[in-house]
């Protein structure tokens, strides 16, 4: 079927195949880069989780400092300021935990935690802060108020409160450290996958490029080979015609330009053969006619010689008769 298509169409098809291979190469590169870009964005979203966890640690440490200030507060006005700082600190911690659970902190996107272990670590740290540390801070405020009211506050109770908050803060830090370990593990996994993607993409791109080049070279070689073979075949046939060999024909079983050229050359060979045969027959006829004319000419020459001899004999006889008549007259 392909051999019957016009040669120009074959060239277009070859060009289309090469273009498809080039597009495939470009697609491989594009999708590889897109995947790498997605993985880099994932990494960009993971690092803020670590930042938020560290900020929670800083805020909890600030809560411990505020607790120490509350236990040592010197005036009700100072206590009111510390209570305001505590409320602001609690709001900030709540916002940070919400950011970890929902995957967004203001306009900054972070990874929403879907791993059960990660969410469990965050939930545990949140419970420790709001169910263990916050009540102890409120209790410290009450103890400071009692102290300002003149009520006795046992030093042992204050020490136990401070130690209890420290223990709970340590547990909270441990849970956040676990969260960071999980996040760094995910970051390492994504980094490994990114390196694998880059390696695989490079290999696929190399294979696609080499494949496209091989296909392009193969198609070019095939077209050049077919074209050269047809041209050489036509040249050999034309040389045979030039040498007077009209017995063969140009066999090209195609319906493209070369097939039409072969049909035209074969028709030319047939026409030339018929013309030369006609000329040969006419030449033979002329030769036979010339031979006949030559024979007639020779016959006419022979007849002329005979007539001349007879005329001489008649003339001699006439002269002899004339002499005899003169003799008689005398």
Protein backbone atom coordinates (compact mmCIF):
# COMPACT_ATOMS: atom_id res chain seq x y z
CA UNK A 1 0.00 0.00 0.00
CA UNK A 2 2.76 2.45 0.93
CA UNK A 3 4.68 1.79 -2.26
CA UNK A 4 1.69 3.00 -4.29
CA UNK A 5 1.59 6.38 -2.54
CA UNK A 6 3.18 9.39 -4.23
CA UNK A 7 6.81 9.87 -3.27
CA UNK A 8 6.02 13.31 -1.82
CA UNK A 9 3.43 11.71 0.48
CA UNK A 10 6.01 9.13 1.55
CA UNK A 11 8.38 11.93 2.46
CA UNK A 12 5.63 13.65 4.44
CA UNK A 13 4.88 10.41 6.28
CA UNK A 14 8.55 9.96 7.09
CA UNK A 15 8.72 13.54 8.33
CA UNK A 16 5.58 12.93 10.41
CA UNK A 17 7.13 9.84 12.01
CA UNK A 18 10.25 11.80 12.90
CA UNK A 19 8.14 14.64 14.32
CA UNK A 20 6.16 12.15 16.41
CA UNK A 21 9.39 10.78 17.82
CA UNK A 22 10.55 14.31 18.60
CA UNK A 23 7.23 15.05 20.29
CA UNK A 24 7.53 11.83 22.29
CA UNK A 25 10.99 12.91 23.37
CA UNK A 26 9.65 16.32 24.37
CA UNK A 27 6.72 14.72 26.21
CA UNK A 28 9.06 12.45 28.16
CA UNK A 29 11.14 15.45 29.16
CA UNK A 30 8.07 17.53 30.00
CA UNK A 31 6.36 14.93 32.18
CA UNK A 32 9.64 14.10 33.86
CA UNK A 33 10.21 17.75 34.71
CA UNK A 34 6.58 18.08 35.82
CA UNK A 35 6.96 15.16 38.21
CA UNK A 36 10.20 16.58 39.56
CA UNK A 37 8.50 19.94 39.99
CA UNK A 38 5.63 18.30 41.92
CA UNK A 39 8.06 16.52 44.20
CA UNK A 40 10.00 19.73 44.81
CA UNK A 41 6.72 21.44 45.72
CA UNK A 42 6.01 18.62 48.16
CA UNK A 43 9.40 19.22 49.72
CA UNK A 44 8.66 22.94 49.90
CA UNK A 45 5.42 22.12 51.72
CA UNK A 46 7.08 19.67 54.15
CA UNK A 47 9.71 22.05 55.50
CA UNK A 48 7.11 24.51 56.89
CA UNK A 49 5.76 21.64 59.03
CA UNK A 50 9.13 21.47 60.76
CA UNK A 51 9.11 25.25 61.11
CA UNK A 52 5.65 25.16 62.72
CA UNK A 53 6.69 22.37 65.08
CA UNK A 54 9.75 24.37 66.13
CA UNK A 55 7.60 27.47 66.60
CA UNK A 56 5.28 25.47 68.87
CA UNK A 57 8.32 24.47 70.91
CA UNK A 58 9.38 28.10 71.18
CA UNK A 59 5.86 29.10 72.21
CA UNK A 60 5.72 26.36 74.86
CA UNK A 61 9.10 27.48 76.17
CA UNK A 62 7.68 30.99 76.33
CA UNK A 63 4.73 29.56 78.28
CA UNK A 64 7.17 28.09 80.78
CA UNK A 65 8.88 31.44 81.16
CA UNK A 66 5.52 33.15 81.68
CA UNK A 67 4.71 30.53 84.32
CA UNK A 68 7.93 31.32 86.15
CA UNK A 69 7.08 35.03 85.98
CA UNK A 70 3.58 34.35 87.33
CA UNK A 71 4.95 32.39 90.26
CA UNK A 72 7.31 35.30 91.05
CA UNK A 73 4.95 38.18 90.15
CA UNK A 74 5.25 41.23 92.38
CA UNK A 75 2.02 43.17 91.68
CA UNK A 76 -1.54 42.65 90.44
CA UNK A 77 -0.85 44.89 87.44
CA UNK A 78 2.08 42.72 86.43
CA UNK A 79 -0.12 39.67 86.90
CA UNK A 80 -2.73 41.14 84.54
CA UNK A 81 -0.08 41.70 81.89
CA UNK A 82 1.15 38.13 82.28
CA UNK A 83 -2.42 36.84 81.95
CA UNK A 84 -2.74 38.82 78.69
CA UNK A 85 0.49 37.32 77.40
CA UNK A 86 -0.73 33.86 78.39
CA UNK A 87 -3.99 34.31 76.46
CA UNK A 88 -2.11 35.51 73.38
CA UNK A 89 0.30 32.60 73.71
CA UNK A 90 -2.58 30.12 73.93
CA UNK A 91 -4.18 31.59 70.80
CA UNK A 92 -0.91 31.33 68.90
CA UNK A 93 -0.38 27.70 69.92
CA UNK A 94 -3.95 26.84 68.91
CA UNK A 95 -3.40 28.44 65.49
CA UNK A 96 -0.15 26.51 65.00
CA UNK A 97 -1.74 23.17 65.86
CA UNK A 98 -4.64 23.96 63.52
CA UNK A 99 -2.13 24.73 60.76
CA UNK A 100 -0.52 21.32 61.26
CA UNK A 101 -3.87 19.53 61.13
CA UNK A 102 -5.42 21.46 58.23
CA UNK A 103 -2.32 22.03 56.10
CA UNK A 104 -2.22 25.82 55.96
CA UNK A 105 -0.84 28.63 58.04
CA UNK A 106 -2.31 31.88 56.80
CA UNK A 107 -1.24 32.25 53.17
CA UNK A 108 1.62 29.76 53.54
CA UNK A 109 0.69 26.25 52.37
CA UNK A 110 2.07 23.35 54.34
CA UNK A 111 1.51 19.63 54.06
CA UNK A 112 -1.73 18.43 55.64
CA UNK A 113 -0.73 15.54 57.88
CA UNK A 114 -2.37 12.35 56.61
CA UNK A 115 -0.02 9.81 58.14
CA UNK A 116 -1.72 8.33 61.26
CA UNK A 117 1.52 8.40 63.25
CA UNK A 118 2.10 12.05 62.40
CA UNK A 119 -1.47 13.04 63.31
CA UNK A 120 -1.24 11.01 66.52
CA UNK A 121 1.93 12.88 67.53
CA UNK A 122 0.26 16.25 66.86
CA UNK A 123 -2.94 15.28 68.70
CA UNK A 124 -0.93 14.06 71.68
CA UNK A 125 1.11 17.27 71.81
CA UNK A 126 -2.07 19.35 71.55
CA UNK A 127 -3.75 17.45 74.39
CA UNK A 128 -0.68 17.87 76.57
CA UNK A 129 -0.64 21.62 76.02
CA UNK A 130 -4.33 22.36 76.44
CA UNK A 131 -5.20 19.64 78.98
CA UNK A 132 -2.03 19.57 81.06
CA UNK A 133 0.02 22.75 80.67
CA UNK A 134 -2.74 25.35 80.23
CA UNK A 135 -4.66 24.28 83.38
CA UNK A 136 -1.43 24.43 85.38
CA UNK A 137 -0.78 27.97 84.15
CA UNK A 138 -4.33 28.95 85.16
CA UNK A 139 -3.67 27.33 88.54
CA UNK A 140 -0.49 29.41 88.87
CA UNK A 141 -2.53 32.55 88.20
CA UNK A 142 -4.98 31.52 90.96
CA UNK A 143 -2.11 30.90 93.37
CA UNK A 144 -0.68 34.34 92.58
CA UNK A 145 -4.10 35.87 93.23
CA UNK A 146 -4.35 34.09 96.57
CA UNK A 147 -0.91 35.35 97.48
CA UNK A 148 -1.97 38.94 96.71
CA UNK A 149 -5.13 38.35 98.80
CA UNK A 150 -2.96 37.41 101.76
CA UNK A 151 -3.74 33.70 101.68
CA UNK A 152 -0.87 31.34 102.34
CA UNK A 153 0.55 29.48 99.33
CA UNK A 154 2.70 26.46 100.20
CA UNK A 155 6.08 26.49 98.51
CA UNK A 156 5.78 22.75 97.93
CA UNK A 157 2.65 23.28 95.84
CA UNK A 158 4.44 25.90 93.73
CA UNK A 159 7.43 23.61 93.24
CA UNK A 160 5.19 20.67 92.27
CA UNK A 161 3.30 22.89 89.81
CA UNK A 162 6.53 24.08 88.20
CA UNK A 163 7.95 20.56 88.02
CA UNK A 164 4.69 19.20 86.57
CA UNK A 165 4.66 21.81 83.81
CA UNK A 166 8.29 20.98 83.01
CA UNK A 167 7.45 17.28 82.74
CA UNK A 168 4.48 17.93 80.46
CA UNK A 169 6.53 20.32 78.32
CA UNK A 170 9.19 17.62 77.95
CA UNK A 171 6.52 15.13 76.82
CA UNK A 172 5.19 17.71 74.35
CA UNK A 173 8.68 18.32 72.97
CA UNK A 174 9.14 14.55 72.61
CA UNK A 175 5.93 14.26 70.58
CA UNK A 176 6.97 17.17 68.37
CA UNK A 177 10.40 15.57 67.92
CA UNK A 178 8.63 12.41 66.75
CA UNK A 179 6.65 14.52 64.30
CA UNK A 180 9.86 16.06 62.97
CA UNK A 181 11.39 12.59 62.60
CA UNK A 182 8.36 11.48 60.59
CA UNK A 183 8.57 14.60 58.43
CA UNK A 184 12.30 14.19 57.81
CA UNK A 185 11.67 10.56 56.91
CA UNK A 186 9.09 11.69 54.35
CA UNK A 187 11.48 14.35 53.08
CA UNK A 188 14.21 11.73 52.65
CA UNK A 189 11.75 9.46 50.85
CA UNK A 190 10.66 12.24 48.48
CA UNK A 191 14.28 13.25 47.90
CA UNK A 192 15.12 9.65 47.02
CA UNK A 193 12.11 9.45 44.70
CA UNK A 194 13.12 12.74 43.11
CA UNK A 195 16.61 11.42 42.42
CA UNK A 196 15.10 8.24 40.97
CA UNK A 197 12.77 10.34 38.83
CA UNK A 198 15.68 12.41 37.57
CA UNK A 199 17.69 9.28 36.77
CA UNK A 200 14.74 7.56 35.10
CA UNK A 201 13.86 10.73 33.21
CA UNK A 202 17.42 11.09 31.98
CA UNK A 203 17.43 7.49 30.78
CA UNK A 204 14.04 7.76 29.11
CA UNK A 205 15.06 11.03 27.49
CA UNK A 206 18.28 9.45 26.26
CA UNK A 207 16.42 6.41 24.92
CA UNK A 208 13.79 8.58 23.25
CA UNK A 209 16.45 10.84 21.73
CA UNK A 210 18.52 7.92 20.46
CA UNK A 211 15.36 6.22 19.21
CA UNK A 212 14.23 9.34 17.37
CA UNK A 213 17.67 9.74 15.83
CA UNK A 214 17.76 6.06 14.85
CA UNK A 215 14.30 6.25 13.29
CA UNK A 216 15.22 9.43 11.41
CA UNK A 217 18.46 7.89 10.12
CA UNK A 218 16.70 4.63 9.26
CA UNK A 219 13.93 6.37 7.34
CA UNK A 220 16.44 8.58 5.52
CA UNK A 221 18.58 5.56 4.65
CA UNK A 222 15.53 3.60 3.47
CA UNK A 223 14.30 6.45 1.28
CA UNK A 224 17.79 7.04 -0.12
CA UNK A 225 18.24 3.31 -0.81
CA UNK A 226 14.88 2.97 -2.54
CA UNK A 227 15.41 6.15 -4.52
CA UNK A 228 18.95 5.13 -5.57
CA UNK A 229 17.82 1.62 -6.56
CA UNK A 230 14.98 2.94 -8.71
CA UNK A 231 17.21 5.55 -10.38
CA UNK A 232 19.98 3.02 -11.08
CA UNK A 233 17.43 0.57 -12.48
CA UNK A 234 16.04 3.27 -14.78
CA UNK A 235 19.56 4.29 -15.89
CA UNK A 236 20.48 0.67 -16.70
CA UNK A 237 17.30 0.27 -18.75
CA UNK A 238 17.99 3.52 -20.64
CA UNK A 239 21.54 2.33 -21.41
CA UNK A 240 20.13 -0.93 -22.82
CA UNK A 241 17.80 1.09 -25.02
CA UNK A 242 20.72 3.20 -26.20
CA UNK A 243 22.55 0.00 -27.18
CA UNK A 244 19.56 -1.14 -29.21
CA UNK A 245 18.24 -3.78 -26.80
CA UNK A 246 14.45 -3.50 -26.94
CA UNK A 247 13.76 -7.00 -25.61
CA UNK A 248 13.59 -6.11 -21.91
CA UNK A 249 11.21 -3.83 -20.03
CA UNK A 250 11.54 -1.62 -16.94
CA UNK A 251 9.88 -3.53 -14.08
CA UNK A 252 8.85 -1.17 -11.24
CA UNK A 253 5.75 -2.46 -9.50
CA UNK A 254 4.69 0.81 -7.92
CA UNK A 255 2.04 3.38 -8.61
CA UNK A 256 3.96 6.43 -7.52
CA UNK A 257 6.03 8.77 -9.67
CA UNK A 258 8.59 6.04 -10.40
CA UNK A 259 5.85 3.62 -11.40
CA UNK A 260 4.41 6.17 -13.82
CA UNK A 261 7.91 6.87 -15.13
CA UNK A 262 8.42 3.13 -15.73
CA UNK A 263 5.10 2.91 -17.60
CA UNK A 264 6.04 5.90 -19.77
CA UNK A 265 9.51 4.48 -20.52
CA UNK A 266 8.02 1.08 -21.37
CA UNK A 267 5.55 2.73 -23.75
CA UNK A 268 8.45 4.63 -25.30
CA UNK A 269 10.36 1.33 -25.71
CA UNK A 270 7.33 -0.27 -27.37
CA UNK A 271 6.82 2.70 -29.70
CA UNK A 272 10.51 2.80 -30.63
CA UNK A 273 10.53 -0.95 -31.23
CA UNK A 274 7.51 -0.72 -33.51
CA UNK A 275 9.06 2.24 -35.33
CA UNK A 276 12.37 0.44 -35.83
CA UNK A 277 10.58 -2.73 -37.00
CA UNK A 278 8.59 -0.66 -39.50
CA UNK A 279 11.76 1.04 -40.69
CA UNK A 280 13.44 -2.35 -41.02
CA UNK A 281 10.54 -3.71 -43.05
CA UNK A 282 10.54 -0.63 -45.27
CA UNK A 283 14.30 -0.94 -45.76
CA UNK A 284 13.91 -4.60 -46.73
CA UNK A 285 11.19 -3.66 -49.21
CA UNK A 286 13.36 -0.94 -50.68
CA UNK A 287 16.25 -3.37 -51.01
CA UNK A 288 14.05 -5.88 -52.83
CA UNK A 289 12.67 -3.16 -55.10
CA UNK A 290 16.18 -1.95 -55.85
CA UNK A 291 17.22 -5.49 -56.73
CA UNK A 292 14.24 -5.83 -59.06
CA UNK A 293 15.02 -2.47 -60.67
CA UNK A 294 18.62 -3.56 -61.12
CA UNK A 295 17.49 -6.78 -62.82
CA UNK A 296 15.15 -4.87 -65.11
CA UNK A 297 17.94 -2.44 -65.92
CA UNK A 298 20.31 -5.28 -66.75
CA UNK A 299 17.63 -6.89 -68.95
CA UNK A 300 17.07 -3.61 -70.74
CA UNK A 301 20.80 -3.25 -71.33
CA UNK A 302 20.96 -6.77 -72.73
CA UNK A 303 18.01 -6.10 -75.03
CA UNK A 304 19.62 -2.89 -76.19
CA UNK A 305 22.83 -4.75 -77.07
CA UNK A 306 20.83 -7.35 -79.01
CA UNK A 307 18.94 -4.66 -80.86
CA UNK A 308 22.21 -2.91 -81.71
CA UNK A 309 23.72 -6.12 -83.10
CA UNK A 310 20.66 -6.77 -85.20
CA UNK A 311 20.70 -3.20 -86.47
CA UNK A 312 24.35 -3.65 -87.53
CA UNK A 313 23.48 -6.86 -89.34
CA UNK A 314 20.59 -5.18 -91.15
CA UNK A 315 22.85 -2.30 -92.13
CA UNK A 316 25.46 -4.70 -93.48
CA UNK A 317 22.84 -6.62 -95.40
CA UNK A 318 21.49 -3.43 -96.79
CA UNK A 319 24.91 -2.32 -97.94
CA UNK A 320 25.50 -5.73 -99.53
CA UNK A 321 22.18 -5.57 -101.36
CA UNK A 322 23.01 -2.06 -102.53
CA UNK A 323 26.34 -3.25 -103.90
CA UNK A 324 24.72 -6.14 -105.68
CA UNK A 325 22.19 -3.83 -107.24
CA UNK A 326 24.95 -1.57 -108.51
CA UNK A 327 26.70 -4.58 -110.01
CA UNK A 328 23.56 -5.64 -111.84
CA UNK A 329 22.98 -2.18 -113.15
CA UNK A 330 26.41 -2.03 -114.57
